[in-house]
Amino acid sequence: MSGKYDLIIVGGGISGASLLYTTAKFTDIESIALLEKESEIAAINSDHTNNSQTLHFGDIETNYTLEKAEKVKEGAEMLAGYLENHDADREMHSKRSKMVLAVGDDEVQKLEDRYHEEGFGDLYPKLRPIERDEIAELEPKVVEGRDPSKDLLALQTPDGYVVDYGATAKSMVEQAKEEASVDVYTGTEVEDITETLDGYTIGTSGGRFDCDVAVVAAGSHSLQIAKELGYGEDMVLLPIAGSFFLADDFLNGKVYTLQMKKLPFAAVHGDADVHDGSITRFGPTAKLVPTLERGRFSTIGDFLDVFGLNLASFLSYGNILADRILLPYVLKNLVYDLPEVGTKAFLPHVQKVVPSATLDDIERAEGYGGVRPQIVDTANKSLDMGEAKLVGDDIIFNITPSPGASTSLKNAMQDTETLVEFFDEDYSFDEEAFREDTIGQFPRAEDDVDPDPVPADDD
């Protein structure tokens, strides 16, 4: 295999698939290729067993500031609109209730302030505070067995999109392949990228490809490739592996707990599986691992390439892990994957959501969980909790767009605008049509109101 293209996208997860869909359907770029090292699209972190299936709107994610929530909201509505538009039979997603739960006076006060004082109630029209009785109607197991003297409050919304991101990525790629301008190569691993006078040459396991412009959307490997080209010298990765525990039919929707604001990791939550509502998943855990892909020891060398084994990297890790909140958190999470002991240690997290849960009710989910790379800024020796994107000369590296898959289409829109600039505006992007296809299909609160209600009988 070989070829010359205007644009090559490296990586067939939800990030690369979103960009392929956006550029294929809404630009006039003449030739586009996607290169994916696995034999199928979305086989690693985008696979539905390897992530929390959550579409993050920022409404129940209590570590988000209002400013971040506003940005995330638009991106989530784009992907939700895509699903509404292209998945009427709900084969790629389910739509269920979701809530963030506060237990006790302190947590309840924090949630009330967030909704009323901080502006989240205004930003999310469908979000509403509910108390014990209504929580019990929606999620009986959340209230069953809970101390009745403990104050309860939840912020609840019907927009609980549970997404199979792998299936969604495949859908996007299949639609993109309908265009004559698009080629997709699976089983094609990138071995090196070399800058040339008129673009880039990409050496792969399947031959050489040339392009004018490139986008690397290969997750953790994006930074590895970026460093080989001289970008991202002040960045390393803190790879975090997430695991899950399973229970039978505990929850109808998604129930979050309050987030610790200093932690960049998702709060432990429970939710019904996207394809089987009788299975409830709890997690994720957050275990530090020296690999770029979960369970693939062959990627230890890749991690070391990114880490660099230099003084700045070691000092940055030391500074981050010395934090009095983060260090105990990391150490606790090492325990959760241990046989028997791990399940017992994790049970209290499950009981925060379902108080009546016992050890016999839960089991560790074998084969579930992926690696989510956290970016470390070695100049400041700190975790960078924002979006990780590097823009170079006619090349973009997407490492871990925050908050991941939820904003994949918004990231694709922004990257497409950058690509048009790379091409000196020889090509154009129909953003209006893109928005109509995505966020234009998202159901608004006013759409739920009966436009012509039956008038009350005067008698």
Foldseek 3Di string as FASTA:
>chain_A
DEEEAAEEEEAQFLLSLLLLLQCLPFKVRQAYEYEAQAQDGRPFCLALQADPLFQDQPLAQQLDAPVVSVVLNLLLLQALLLCVQPPVVLPFKDFAKEKEKAKADVRVVSVVCVCPPRCSCVVAVQWDKDFDVVCCVQAVLQNPPDDPVIGMIITMGRRTIRGSRRVVSVVSNVVSVVGPNYDYHYSWAWDAWDADPQCIWTQTPVGIYHHNFYEYEHAQCLLLRQVVVPPDPQKAWFKWKWWKKKFFQRHQAKYFYHDDNVDLDGGWIWGQRGVGNRMIITDTQTEGDQARKPPDPVRNVVNCSRLVPDPLSVQLVVVACVDPPNVVSNVLSVQLPDPPRNLVSCVVSVCNRRVVDDSVGMDIDPPGHIIHIWMARSVVSGTDSAFDWDDDLSYIGGHAHVPRSSSSNVVSVVVVVVNCVNVVVPMDGPVVVSCCSGSVSRDDPVNPDDPDDDDDDPD
